[in-house]
Amino acid sequence: FYAVNWYRQVPGKQRELVASITDSGRTNYADFVKGRFTISRDN
């Protein structure tokens, strides 16, 4: 996978991206979780 992402969804709302990690290990976070959530990978 060139990217693996975590999304979340609550009833009545669109699914939103929470965090992502690429195959090179680059990570990205939604502003509402920065500093609280960490995405990682065990190869």
PDB file of all heavy atoms in Angstrom:
ATOM      1  N   PHE A   1       0.857  -1.188   0.000  1.00  0.00           N
ATOM      2  CA  PHE A   1       0.000   0.000   0.000  1.00  0.00           C
ATOM      3  C   PHE A   1       0.894   1.239   0.000  1.00  0.00           C
ATOM      4  O   PHE A   1       1.813   1.343   0.803  1.00  0.00           O
ATOM      5  CB  PHE A   1      -0.891   0.033   1.239  1.00  0.00           C
ATOM      6  CG  PHE A   1      -1.795  -1.152   1.367  1.00  0.00           C
ATOM      7  CD1 PHE A   1      -1.440  -2.234   2.155  1.00  0.00           C
ATOM      8  CD2 PHE A   1      -3.005  -1.188   0.706  1.00  0.00           C
ATOM      9  CE1 PHE A   1      -2.261  -3.331   2.285  1.00  0.00           C
ATOM     10  CE2 PHE A   1      -3.845  -2.284   0.818  1.00  0.00           C
ATOM     11  CZ  PHE A   1      -3.474  -3.357   1.611  1.00  0.00           C
ATOM     12  N   TYR A   2       0.623   2.172  -0.888  1.00  0.00           N
ATOM     13  CA  TYR A   2       1.449   3.382  -0.859  1.00  0.00           C
ATOM     14  C   TYR A   2       0.995   4.335   0.229  1.00  0.00           C
ATOM     15  O   TYR A   2       1.722   5.256   0.593  1.00  0.00           O
ATOM     16  CB  TYR A   2       1.519   4.058  -2.224  1.00  0.00           C
ATOM     17  CG  TYR A   2       0.228   4.615  -2.776  1.00  0.00           C
ATOM     18  CD1 TYR A   2      -0.275   5.843  -2.343  1.00  0.00           C
ATOM     19  CD2 TYR A   2      -0.465   3.939  -3.765  1.00  0.00           C
ATOM     20  CE1 TYR A   2      -1.434   6.359  -2.854  1.00  0.00           C
ATOM     21  CE2 TYR A   2      -1.623   4.453  -4.283  1.00  0.00           C
ATOM     22  CZ  TYR A   2      -2.114   5.666  -3.830  1.00  0.00           C
ATOM     23  OH  TYR A   2      -3.275   6.177  -4.354  1.00  0.00           O
ATOM     24  N   ALA A   3      -0.176   4.100   0.779  1.00  0.00           N
ATOM     25  CA  ALA A   3      -0.630   4.869   1.935  1.00  0.00           C
ATOM     26  C   ALA A   3      -1.650   4.041   2.713  1.00  0.00           C
ATOM     27  O   ALA A   3      -2.473   3.337   2.121  1.00  0.00           O
ATOM     28  CB  ALA A   3      -1.257   6.190   1.504  1.00  0.00           C
ATOM     29  N   VAL A   4      -1.564   4.124   4.022  1.00  0.00           N
ATOM     30  CA  VAL A   4      -2.578   3.550   4.904  1.00  0.00           C
ATOM     31  C   VAL A   4      -3.108   4.686   5.770  1.00  0.00           C
ATOM     32  O   VAL A   4      -2.324   5.464   6.330  1.00  0.00           O
ATOM     33  CB  VAL A   4      -2.009   2.422   5.777  1.00  0.00           C
ATOM     34  CG1 VAL A   4      -3.077   1.906   6.740  1.00  0.00           C
ATOM     35  CG2 VAL A   4      -1.502   1.278   4.900  1.00  0.00           C
ATOM     36  N   ASN A   5      -4.406   4.776   5.841  1.00  0.00           N
ATOM     37  CA  ASN A   5      -5.047   5.898   6.508  1.00  0.00           C
ATOM     38  C   ASN A   5      -6.024   5.426   7.578  1.00  0.00           C
ATOM     39  O   ASN A   5      -6.581   4.332   7.479  1.00  0.00           O
ATOM     40  CB  ASN A   5      -5.842   6.726   5.487  1.00  0.00           C
ATOM     41  CG  ASN A   5      -5.039   7.049   4.253  1.00  0.00           C
ATOM     42  OD1 ASN A   5      -4.072   7.769   4.295  1.00  0.00           O
ATOM     43  ND2 ASN A   5      -5.455   6.482   3.127  1.00  0.00           N
ATOM     44  N   TRP A   6      -6.229   6.264   8.548  1.00  0.00           N
ATOM     45  CA  TRP A   6      -7.315   6.091   9.501  1.00  0.00           C
ATOM     46  C   TRP A   6      -8.328   7.197   9.248  1.00  0.00           C
ATOM     47  O   TRP A   6      -7.970   8.374   9.201  1.00  0.00           O
ATOM     48  CB  TRP A   6      -6.814   6.166  10.944  1.00  0.00           C
ATOM     49  CG  TRP A   6      -6.118   4.939  11.413  1.00  0.00           C
ATOM     50  CD1 TRP A   6      -4.771   4.731  11.473  1.00  0.00           C
ATOM     51  CD2 TRP A   6      -6.736   3.736  11.904  1.00  0.00           C
ATOM     52  NE1 TRP A   6      -4.506   3.472  11.957  1.00  0.00           N
ATOM     53  CE2 TRP A   6      -5.698   2.841  12.244  1.00  0.00           C
ATOM     54  CE3 TRP A   6      -8.050   3.327  12.086  1.00  0.00           C
ATOM     55  CZ2 TRP A   6      -5.938   1.570  12.753  1.00  0.00           C
ATOM     56  CZ3 TRP A   6      -8.287   2.071  12.593  1.00  0.00           C
ATOM     57  CH2 TRP A   6      -7.243   1.208  12.925  1.00  0.00           C
ATOM     58  N   TYR A   7      -9.595   6.783   9.111  1.00  0.00           N
ATOM     59  CA  TYR A   7     -10.715   7.706   8.998  1.00  0.00           C
ATOM     60  C   TYR A   7     -11.645   7.463  10.183  1.00  0.00           C
ATOM     61  O   TYR A   7     -11.567   6.437  10.861  1.00  0.00           O
ATOM     62  CB  TYR A   7     -11.507   7.431   7.707  1.00  0.00           C
ATOM     63  CG  TYR A   7     -10.879   7.909   6.443  1.00  0.00           C
ATOM     64  CD1 TYR A   7      -9.846   7.208   5.832  1.00  0.00           C
ATOM     65  CD2 TYR A   7     -11.331   9.069   5.811  1.00  0.00           C
ATOM     66  CE1 TYR A   7      -9.278   7.641   4.643  1.00  0.00           C
ATOM     67  CE2 TYR A   7     -10.774   9.515   4.620  1.00  0.00           C
ATOM     68  CZ  TYR A   7      -9.754   8.796   4.050  1.00  0.00           C
ATOM     69  OH  TYR A   7      -9.201   9.240   2.870  1.00  0.00           O
ATOM     70  N   ARG A   8     -12.543   8.394  10.393  1.00  0.00           N
ATOM     71  CA  ARG A   8     -13.588   8.179  11.382  1.00  0.00           C
ATOM     72  C   ARG A   8     -14.893   8.776  10.887  1.00  0.00           C
ATOM     73  O   ARG A   8     -14.901   9.681  10.055  1.00  0.00           O
ATOM     74  CB  ARG A   8     -13.206   8.765  12.747  1.00  0.00           C
ATOM     75  CG  ARG A   8     -13.164  10.273  12.813  1.00  0.00           C
ATOM     76  CD  ARG A   8     -12.627  10.714  14.156  1.00  0.00           C
ATOM     77  NE  ARG A   8     -12.758  12.157  14.366  1.00  0.00           N
ATOM     78  CZ  ARG A   8     -12.248  12.810  15.408  1.00  0.00           C
ATOM     79  NH1 ARG A   8     -11.569  12.148  16.358  1.00  0.00           N
ATOM     80  NH2 ARG A   8     -12.414  14.105  15.537  1.00  0.00           N
ATOM     81  N   GLN A   9     -15.973   8.240  11.452  1.00  0.00           N
ATOM     82  CA  GLN A   9     -17.291   8.692  11.020  1.00  0.00           C
ATOM     83  C   GLN A   9     -18.271   8.597  12.174  1.00  0.00           C
ATOM     84  O   GLN A   9     -18.276   7.611  12.913  1.00  0.00           O
ATOM     85  CB  GLN A   9     -17.787   7.846   9.842  1.00  0.00           C
ATOM     86  CG  GLN A   9     -19.052   8.350   9.204  1.00  0.00           C
ATOM     87  CD  GLN A   9     -19.386   7.611   7.922  1.00  0.00           C
ATOM     88  OE1 GLN A   9     -19.002   6.465   7.730  1.00  0.00           O
ATOM     89  NE2 GLN A   9     -20.096   8.271   7.022  1.00  0.00           N
ATOM     90  N   VAL A  10     -19.086   9.636  12.299  1.00  0.00           N
ATOM     91  CA  VAL A  10     -20.195   9.617  13.246  1.00  0.00           C
ATOM     92  C   VAL A  10     -21.481   9.658  12.442  1.00  0.00           C
ATOM     93  O   VAL A  10     -21.500  10.157  11.309  1.00  0.00           O
ATOM     94  CB  VAL A  10     -20.128  10.794  14.247  1.00  0.00           C
ATOM     95  CG1 VAL A  10     -18.863  10.686  15.089  1.00  0.00           C
ATOM     96  CG2 VAL A  10     -20.172  12.130  13.528  1.00  0.00           C
ATOM     97  N   PRO A  11     -22.560   9.147  13.012  1.00  0.00           N
ATOM     98  CA  PRO A  11     -23.826   9.119  12.264  1.00  0.00           C
ATOM     99  C   PRO A  11     -24.224  10.512  11.788  1.00  0.00           C
ATOM    100  O   PRO A  11     -24.155  11.491  12.541  1.00  0.00           O
ATOM    101  CB  PRO A  11     -24.820   8.568  13.288  1.00  0.00           C
ATOM    102  CG  PRO A  11     -23.989   7.752  14.209  1.00  0.00           C
ATOM    103  CD  PRO A  11     -22.683   8.475  14.319  1.00  0.00           C
ATOM    104  N   GLY A  12     -24.621  10.593  10.541  1.00  0.00           N
ATOM    105  CA  GLY A  12     -25.094  11.845   9.992  1.00  0.00           C
ATOM    106  C   GLY A  12     -24.004  12.755   9.470  1.00  0.00           C
ATOM    107  O   GLY A  12     -24.304  13.843   8.956  1.00  0.00           O
ATOM    108  N   LYS A  13     -22.758  12.340   9.600  1.00  0.00           N
ATOM    109  CA  LYS A  13     -21.651  13.168   9.124  1.00  0.00           C
ATOM    110  C   LYS A  13     -20.797  12.383   8.134  1.00  0.00           C
ATOM    111  O   LYS A  13     -20.804  11.150   8.127  1.00  0.00           O
ATOM    112  CB  LYS A  13     -20.791  13.655  10.295  1.00  0.00           C
ATOM    113  CG  LYS A  13     -21.509  14.584  11.242  1.00  0.00           C
ATOM    114  CD  LYS A  13     -20.566  15.117  12.303  1.00  0.00           C
ATOM    115  CE  LYS A  13     -19.559  16.084  11.747  1.00  0.00           C
ATOM    116  NZ  LYS A  13     -18.700  16.688  12.784  1.00  0.00           N
ATOM    117  N   GLN A  14     -20.041  13.113   7.342  1.00  0.00           N
ATOM    118  CA  GLN A  14     -19.156  12.469   6.378  1.00  0.00           C
ATOM    119  C   GLN A  14     -17.959  11.848   7.085  1.00  0.00           C
ATOM    120  O   GLN A  14     -17.523  12.321   8.139  1.00  0.00           O
ATOM    121  CB  GLN A  14     -18.671  13.500   5.350  1.00  0.00           C
ATOM    122  CG  GLN A  14     -19.690  13.873   4.300  1.00  0.00           C
ATOM    123  CD  GLN A  14     -19.072  14.660   3.148  1.00  0.00           C
ATOM    124  OE1 GLN A  14     -18.143  15.425   3.341  1.00  0.00           O
ATOM    125  NE2 GLN A  14     -19.595  14.451   1.951  1.00  0.00           N
ATOM    126  N   ARG A  15     -17.442  10.809   6.468  1.00  0.00           N
ATOM    127  CA  ARG A  15     -16.231  10.193   6.970  1.00  0.00           C
ATOM    128  C   ARG A  15     -15.077  11.188   6.812  1.00  0.00           C
ATOM    129  O   ARG A  15     -14.946  11.840   5.762  1.00  0.00           O
ATOM    130  CB  ARG A  15     -15.951   8.907   6.178  1.00  0.00           C
ATOM    131  CG  ARG A  15     -14.990   7.958   6.805  1.00  0.00           C
ATOM    132  CD  ARG A  15     -14.993   6.624   6.076  1.00  0.00           C
ATOM    133  NE  ARG A  15     -16.255   5.899   6.266  1.00  0.00           N
ATOM    134  CZ  ARG A  15     -16.439   4.643   5.865  1.00  0.00           C
ATOM    135  NH1 ARG A  15     -15.459   3.980   5.252  1.00  0.00           N
ATOM    136  NH2 ARG A  15     -17.600   4.053   6.061  1.00  0.00           N
ATOM    137  N   GLU A  16     -14.254  11.315   7.855  1.00  0.00           N
ATOM    138  CA  GLU A  16     -13.169  12.290   7.800  1.00  0.00           C
ATOM    139  C   GLU A  16     -11.825  11.624   8.051  1.00  0.00           C
ATOM    140  O   GLU A  16     -11.716  10.670   8.843  1.00  0.00           O
ATOM    141  CB  GLU A  16     -13.392  13.420   8.819  1.00  0.00           C
ATOM    142  CG  GLU A  16     -13.513  12.980  10.262  1.00  0.00           C
ATOM    143  CD  GLU A  16     -13.847  14.126  11.202  1.00  0.00           C
ATOM    144  OE1 GLU A  16     -14.040  15.266  10.745  1.00  0.00           O
ATOM    145  OE2 GLU A  16     -13.915  13.876  12.420  1.00  0.00           O
ATOM    146  N   LEU A  17     -10.824  12.141   7.378  1.00  0.00           N
ATOM    147  CA  LEU A  17      -9.466  11.609   7.513  1.00  0.00           C
ATOM    148  C   LEU A  17      -8.872  12.037   8.847  1.00  0.00           C
ATOM    149  O   LEU A  17      -8.915  13.215   9.208  1.00  0.00           O
ATOM    150  CB  LEU A  17      -8.589  12.110   6.363  1.00  0.00           C
ATOM    151  CG  LEU A  17      -7.128  11.668   6.361  1.00  0.00           C
ATOM    152  CD1 LEU A  17      -7.019  10.155   6.216  1.00  0.00           C
ATOM    153  CD2 LEU A  17      -6.376  12.371   5.239  1.00  0.00           C
ATOM    154  N   VAL A  18      -8.305  11.090   9.552  1.00  0.00           N
ATOM    155  CA  VAL A  18      -7.706  11.350  10.858  1.00  0.00           C
ATOM    156  C   VAL A  18      -6.183  11.401  10.744  1.00  0.00           C
ATOM    157  O   VAL A  18      -5.541  12.341  11.217  1.00  0.00           O
ATOM    158  CB  VAL A  18      -8.112  10.258  11.868  1.00  0.00           C
ATOM    159  CG1 VAL A  18      -7.392  10.458  13.202  1.00  0.00           C
ATOM    160  CG2 VAL A  18      -9.622  10.257  12.064  1.00  0.00           C
ATOM    161  N   ALA A  19      -5.600  10.382  10.124  1.00  0.00           N
ATOM    162  CA  ALA A  19      -4.144  10.302  10.026  1.00  0.00           C
ATOM    163  C   ALA A  19      -3.775   9.371   8.889  1.00  0.00           C
ATOM    164  O   ALA A  19      -4.561   8.497   8.513  1.00  0.00           O
ATOM    165  CB  ALA A  19      -3.525   9.800  11.330  1.00  0.00           C
ATOM    166  N   SER A  20      -2.583   9.570   8.346  1.00  0.00           N
ATOM    167  CA  SER A  20      -2.123   8.715   7.261  1.00  0.00           C
ATOM    168  C   SER A  20      -0.628   8.471   7.391  1.00  0.00           C
ATOM    169  O   SER A  20       0.103   9.268   7.996  1.00  0.00           O
ATOM    170  CB  SER A  20      -2.442   9.343   5.905  1.00  0.00           C
ATOM    171  OG  SER A  20      -1.778  10.597   5.773  1.00  0.00           O
ATOM    172  N   ILE A  21      -0.194   7.354   6.817  1.00  0.00           N
ATOM    173  CA  ILE A  21       1.220   7.023   6.773  1.00  0.00           C
ATOM    174  C   ILE A  21       1.512   6.426   5.403  1.00  0.00           C
ATOM    175  O   ILE A  21       0.767   5.570   4.925  1.00  0.00           O
ATOM    176  CB  ILE A  21       1.624   6.067   7.925  1.00  0.00           C
ATOM    177  CG1 ILE A  21       3.137   5.858   7.953  1.00  0.00           C
ATOM    178  CG2 ILE A  21       0.875   4.743   7.852  1.00  0.00           C
ATOM    179  CD1 ILE A  21       3.635   5.230   9.247  1.00  0.00           C
ATOM    180  N   THR A  22       2.578   6.898   4.775  1.00  0.00           N
ATOM    181  CA  THR A  22       2.925   6.397   3.449  1.00  0.00           C
ATOM    182  C   THR A  22       3.900   5.230   3.561  1.00  0.00           C
ATOM    183  O   THR A  22       4.417   4.922   4.641  1.00  0.00           O
ATOM    184  CB  THR A  22       3.559   7.501   2.602  1.00  0.00           C
ATOM    185  OG1 THR A  22       4.862   7.805   3.154  1.00  0.00           O
ATOM    186  CG2 THR A  22       2.699   8.746   2.592  1.00  0.00           C
ATOM    187  N   ASP A  23       4.182   4.603   2.413  1.00  0.00           N
ATOM    188  CA  ASP A  23       5.111   3.478   2.413  1.00  0.00           C
ATOM    189  C   ASP A  23       6.526   3.920   2.773  1.00  0.00           C
ATOM    190  O   ASP A  23       7.334   3.101   3.215  1.00  0.00           O
ATOM    191  CB  ASP A  23       5.087   2.750   1.076  1.00  0.00           C
ATOM    192  CG  ASP A  23       5.305   3.669  -0.107  1.00  0.00           C
ATOM    193  OD1 ASP A  23       5.483   4.883   0.090  1.00  0.00           O
ATOM    194  OD2 ASP A  23       5.275   3.169  -1.247  1.00  0.00           O
ATOM    195  N   SER A  24       6.809   5.215   2.630  1.00  0.00           N
ATOM    196  CA  SER A  24       8.124   5.732   3.016  1.00  0.00           C
ATOM    197  C   SER A  24       8.157   6.163   4.472  1.00  0.00           C
ATOM    198  O   SER A  24       9.201   6.597   4.963  1.00  0.00           O
ATOM    199  CB  SER A  24       8.512   6.915   2.121  1.00  0.00           C
ATOM    200  OG  SER A  24       7.607   7.979   2.296  1.00  0.00           O
ATOM    201  N   GLY A  25       7.009   6.072   5.146  1.00  0.00           N
ATOM    202  CA  GLY A  25       6.960   6.418   6.561  1.00  0.00           C
ATOM    203  C   GLY A  25       6.522   7.847   6.862  1.00  0.00           C
ATOM    204  O   GLY A  25       6.473   8.245   8.023  1.00  0.00           O
ATOM    205  N   ARG A  26       6.213   8.607   5.826  1.00  0.00           N
ATOM    206  CA  ARG A  26       5.753   9.983   6.051  1.00  0.00           C
ATOM    207  C   ARG A  26       4.359   9.956   6.651  1.00  0.00           C
ATOM    208  O   ARG A  26       3.492   9.212   6.218  1.00  0.00           O
ATOM    209  CB  ARG A  26       5.762  10.752   4.742  1.00  0.00           C
ATOM    210  CG  ARG A  26       5.467  12.230   4.892  1.00  0.00           C
ATOM    211  CD  ARG A  26       5.521  12.926   3.543  1.00  0.00           C
ATOM    212  NE  ARG A  26       4.502  12.413   2.646  1.00  0.00           N
ATOM    213  CZ  ARG A  26       4.425  12.723   1.369  1.00  0.00           C
ATOM    214  NH1 ARG A  26       5.308  13.527   0.829  1.00  0.00           N
ATOM    215  NH2 ARG A  26       3.459  12.226   0.625  1.00  0.00           N
ATOM    216  N   THR A  27       4.150  10.782   7.655  1.00  0.00           N
ATOM    217  CA  THR A  27       2.868  10.817   8.347  1.00  0.00           C
ATOM    218  C   THR A  27       2.190  12.173   8.174  1.00  0.00           C
ATOM    219  O   THR A  27       2.847  13.199   7.945  1.00  0.00           O
ATOM    220  CB  THR A  27       3.034  10.523   9.846  1.00  0.00           C
ATOM    221  OG1 THR A  27       3.914  11.495  10.417  1.00  0.00           O
ATOM    222  CG2 THR A  27       3.609   9.139  10.068  1.00  0.00           C
ATOM    223  N   ASN A  28       0.882  12.148   8.318  1.00  0.00           N
ATOM    224  CA  ASN A  28       0.101  13.371   8.215  1.00  0.00           C
ATOM    225  C   ASN A  28      -1.098  13.238   9.141  1.00  0.00           C
ATOM    226  O   ASN A  28      -1.638  12.134   9.293  1.00  0.00           O
ATOM    227  CB  ASN A  28      -0.362  13.596   6.771  1.00  0.00           C
ATOM    228  CG  ASN A  28      -0.963  14.965   6.586  1.00  0.00           C
ATOM    229  OD1 ASN A  28      -0.379  15.963   6.986  1.00  0.00           O
ATOM    230  ND2 ASN A  28      -2.140  15.031   5.986  1.00  0.00           N
ATOM    231  N   TYR A  29      -1.495  14.359   9.761  1.00  0.00           N
ATOM    232  CA  TYR A  29      -2.575  14.328  10.741  1.00  0.00           C
ATOM    233  C   TYR A  29      -3.574  15.442  10.478  1.00  0.00           C
ATOM    234  O   TYR A  29      -3.208  16.541  10.049  1.00  0.00           O
ATOM    235  CB  TYR A  29      -2.014  14.501  12.161  1.00  0.00           C
ATOM    236  CG  TYR A  29      -1.068  13.412  12.580  1.00  0.00           C
ATOM    237  CD1 TYR A  29       0.304  13.548  12.377  1.00  0.00           C
ATOM    238  CD2 TYR A  29      -1.547  12.251  13.166  1.00  0.00           C
ATOM    239  CE1 TYR A  29       1.172  12.546  12.743  1.00  0.00           C
ATOM    240  CE2 TYR A  29      -0.677  11.238  13.543  1.00  0.00           C
ATOM    241  CZ  TYR A  29       0.681  11.396  13.326  1.00  0.00           C
ATOM    242  OH  TYR A  29       1.547  10.393  13.699  1.00  0.00           O
ATOM    243  N   ALA A  30      -4.818  15.157  10.804  1.00  0.00           N
ATOM    244  CA  ALA A  30      -5.822  16.202  10.807  1.00  0.00           C
ATOM    245  C   ALA A  30      -5.525  17.154  11.959  1.00  0.00           C
ATOM    246  O   ALA A  30      -5.004  16.738  13.004  1.00  0.00           O
ATOM    247  CB  ALA A  30      -7.208  15.595  10.965  1.00  0.00           C
ATOM    248  N   ASP A  31      -5.867  18.415  11.781  1.00  0.00           N
ATOM    249  CA  ASP A  31      -5.570  19.402  12.820  1.00  0.00           C
ATOM    250  C   ASP A  31      -6.202  19.028  14.161  1.00  0.00           C
ATOM    251  O   ASP A  31      -5.619  19.304  15.216  1.00  0.00           O
ATOM    252  CB  ASP A  31      -6.072  20.778  12.379  1.00  0.00           C
ATOM    253  CG  ASP A  31      -5.194  21.398  11.302  1.00  0.00           C
ATOM    254  OD1 ASP A  31      -4.054  20.939  11.126  1.00  0.00           O
ATOM    255  OD2 ASP A  31      -5.657  22.342  10.631  1.00  0.00           O
ATOM    256  N   PHE A  32      -7.373  18.404  14.118  1.00  0.00           N
ATOM    257  CA  PHE A  32      -8.083  18.144  15.366  1.00  0.00           C
ATOM    258  C   PHE A  32      -7.474  17.001  16.185  1.00  0.00           C
ATOM    259  O   PHE A  32      -7.913  16.745  17.299  1.00  0.00           O
ATOM    260  CB  PHE A  32      -9.584  17.889  15.112  1.00  0.00           C
ATOM    261  CG  PHE A  32      -9.881  16.843  14.080  1.00  0.00           C
ATOM    262  CD1 PHE A  32      -9.816  15.491  14.384  1.00  0.00           C
ATOM    263  CD2 PHE A  32     -10.223  17.216  12.793  1.00  0.00           C
ATOM    264  CE1 PHE A  32     -10.099  14.529  13.425  1.00  0.00           C
ATOM    265  CE2 PHE A  32     -10.518  16.257  11.828  1.00  0.00           C
ATOM    266  CZ  PHE A  32     -10.449  14.908  12.139  1.00  0.00           C
ATOM    267  N   VAL A  33      -6.458  16.316  15.649  1.00  0.00           N
ATOM    268  CA  VAL A  33      -5.798  15.257  16.425  1.00  0.00           C
ATOM    269  C   VAL A  33      -4.294  15.508  16.593  1.00  0.00           C
ATOM    270  O   VAL A  33      -3.622  14.746  17.298  1.00  0.00           O
ATOM    271  CB  VAL A  33      -6.018  13.852  15.824  1.00  0.00           C
ATOM    272  CG1 VAL A  33      -7.496  13.542  15.730  1.00  0.00           C
ATOM    273  CG2 VAL A  33      -5.324  13.708  14.470  1.00  0.00           C
ATOM    274  N   LYS A  34      -3.778  16.543  15.976  1.00  0.00           N
ATOM    275  CA  LYS A  34      -2.339  16.808  16.086  1.00  0.00           C
ATOM    276  C   LYS A  34      -1.930  16.974  17.535  1.00  0.00           C
ATOM    277  O   LYS A  34      -2.585  17.670  18.306  1.00  0.00           O
ATOM    278  CB  LYS A  34      -1.976  18.068  15.289  1.00  0.00           C
ATOM    279  CG  LYS A  34      -1.827  17.826  13.803  1.00  0.00           C
ATOM    280  CD  LYS A  34      -1.430  19.100  13.077  1.00  0.00           C
ATOM    281  CE  LYS A  34      -1.285  18.828  11.589  1.00  0.00           C
ATOM    282  NZ  LYS A  34      -0.969  20.061  10.824  1.00  0.00           N
ATOM    283  N   GLY A  35      -0.852  16.308  17.887  1.00  0.00           N
ATOM    284  CA  GLY A  35      -0.354  16.372  19.248  1.00  0.00           C
ATOM    285  C   GLY A  35      -0.995  15.360  20.186  1.00  0.00           C
ATOM    286  O   GLY A  35      -0.526  15.185  21.315  1.00  0.00           O
ATOM    287  N   ARG A  36      -2.065  14.697  19.726  1.00  0.00           N
ATOM    288  CA  ARG A  36      -2.745  13.706  20.569  1.00  0.00           C
ATOM    289  C   ARG A  36      -2.671  12.296  19.986  1.00  0.00           C
ATOM    290  O   ARG A  36      -2.574  11.333  20.740  1.00  0.00           O
ATOM    291  CB  ARG A  36      -4.215  14.099  20.753  1.00  0.00           C
ATOM    292  CG  ARG A  36      -4.425  15.446  21.408  1.00  0.00           C
ATOM    293  CD  ARG A  36      -5.899  15.671  21.758  1.00  0.00           C
ATOM    294  NE  ARG A  36      -6.753  15.667  20.573  1.00  0.00           N
ATOM    295  CZ  ARG A  36      -7.812  14.868  20.430  1.00  0.00           C
ATOM    296  NH1 ARG A  36      -8.140  14.011  21.369  1.00  0.00           N
ATOM    297  NH2 ARG A  36      -8.561  14.934  19.331  1.00  0.00           N
ATOM    298  N   PHE A  37      -2.738  12.181  18.676  1.00  0.00           N
ATOM    299  CA  PHE A  37      -2.745  10.872  18.011  1.00  0.00           C
ATOM    300  C   PHE A  37      -1.423  10.659  17.292  1.00  0.00           C
ATOM    301  O   PHE A  37      -0.809  11.600  16.778  1.00  0.00           O
ATOM    302  CB  PHE A  37      -3.870  10.799  16.971  1.00  0.00           C
ATOM    303  CG  PHE A  37      -5.263  10.757  17.541  1.00  0.00           C
ATOM    304  CD1 PHE A  37      -5.527  11.033  18.870  1.00  0.00           C
ATOM    305  CD2 PHE A  37      -6.328  10.437  16.711  1.00  0.00           C
ATOM    306  CE1 PHE A  37      -6.812  11.001  19.368  1.00  0.00           C
ATOM    307  CE2 PHE A  37      -7.628  10.389  17.203  1.00  0.00           C
ATOM    308  CZ  PHE A  37      -7.869  10.687  18.532  1.00  0.00           C
ATOM    309  N   THR A  38      -1.014   9.392  17.232  1.00  0.00           N
ATOM    310  CA  THR A  38       0.195   9.024  16.511  1.00  0.00           C
ATOM    311  C   THR A  38      -0.080   7.786  15.664  1.00  0.00           C
ATOM    312  O   THR A  38      -0.574   6.776  16.192  1.00  0.00           O
ATOM    313  CB  THR A  38       1.356   8.729  17.477  1.00  0.00           C
ATOM    314  OG1 THR A  38       1.597   9.879  18.306  1.00  0.00           O
ATOM    315  CG2 THR A  38       2.624   8.405  16.707  1.00  0.00           C
ATOM    316  N   ILE A  39       0.240   7.874  14.386  1.00  0.00           N
ATOM    317  CA  ILE A  39       0.110   6.727  13.496  1.00  0.00           C
ATOM    318  C   ILE A  39       1.491   6.111  13.307  1.00  0.00           C
ATOM    319  O   ILE A  39       2.497   6.824  13.190  1.00  0.00           O
ATOM    320  CB  ILE A  39      -0.523   7.136  12.141  1.00  0.00           C
ATOM    321  CG1 ILE A  39      -0.866   5.901  11.300  1.00  0.00           C
ATOM    322  CG2 ILE A  39       0.359   8.109  11.378  1.00  0.00           C
ATOM    323  CD1 ILE A  39      -1.717   6.228  10.071  1.00  0.00           C
ATOM    324  N   SER A  40       1.536   4.788  13.310  1.00  0.00           N
ATOM    325  CA  SER A  40       2.816   4.102  13.146  1.00  0.00           C
ATOM    326  C   SER A  40       2.577   2.770  12.459  1.00  0.00           C
ATOM    327  O   SER A  40       1.432   2.354  12.253  1.00  0.00           O
ATOM    328  CB  SER A  40       3.495   3.888  14.504  1.00  0.00           C
ATOM    329  OG  SER A  40       2.694   3.059  15.334  1.00  0.00           O
ATOM    330  N   ARG A  41       3.676   2.112  12.136  1.00  0.00           N
ATOM    331  CA  ARG A  41       3.578   0.886  11.341  1.00  0.00           C
ATOM    332  C   ARG A  41       4.560  -0.143  11.870  1.00  0.00           C
ATOM    333  O   ARG A  41       5.706   0.190  12.183  1.00  0.00           O
ATOM    334  CB  ARG A  41       3.905   1.234   9.890  1.00  0.00           C
ATOM    335  CG  ARG A  41       3.677   0.162   8.876  1.00  0.00           C
ATOM    336  CD  ARG A  41       3.992   0.720   7.499  1.00  0.00           C
ATOM    337  NE  ARG A  41       5.396   1.050   7.392  1.00  0.00           N
ATOM    338  CZ  ARG A  41       5.867   1.978   6.574  1.00  0.00           C
ATOM    339  NH1 ARG A  41       5.048   2.684   5.828  1.00  0.00           N
ATOM    340  NH2 ARG A  41       7.162   2.203   6.519  1.00  0.00           N
ATOM    341  N   ASP A  42       4.101  -1.388  11.968  1.00  0.00           N
ATOM    342  CA  ASP A  42       4.977  -2.521  12.295  1.00  0.00           C
ATOM    343  C   ASP A  42       5.089  -3.356  11.032  1.00  0.00           C
ATOM    344  O   ASP A  42       4.177  -4.118  10.693  1.00  0.00           O
ATOM    345  CB  ASP A  42       4.388  -3.336  13.449  1.00  0.00           C
ATOM    346  CG  ASP A  42       5.308  -4.462  13.895  1.00  0.00           C
ATOM    347  OD1 ASP A  42       6.091  -4.970  13.064  1.00  0.00           O
ATOM    348  OD2 ASP A  42       5.245  -4.832  15.062  1.00  0.00           O
ATOM    349  N   ASN A  43       6.194  -3.200  10.338  1.00  0.00           N
ATOM    350  CA  ASN A  43       6.339  -3.861   9.038  1.00  0.00           C
ATOM    351  C   ASN A  43       6.342  -5.375   9.160  1.00  0.00           C
ATOM    352  O   ASN A  43       5.805  -6.077   8.301  1.00  0.00           O
ATOM    353  CB  ASN A  43       7.628  -3.391   8.369  1.00  0.00           C
ATOM    354  CG  ASN A  43       7.629  -1.889   8.145  1.00  0.00           C
ATOM    355  OD1 ASN A  43       6.580  -1.282   7.946  1.00  0.00           O
ATOM    356  ND2 ASN A  43       8.796  -1.281   8.199  1.00  0.00           N
TER     357      ASN A  43
END
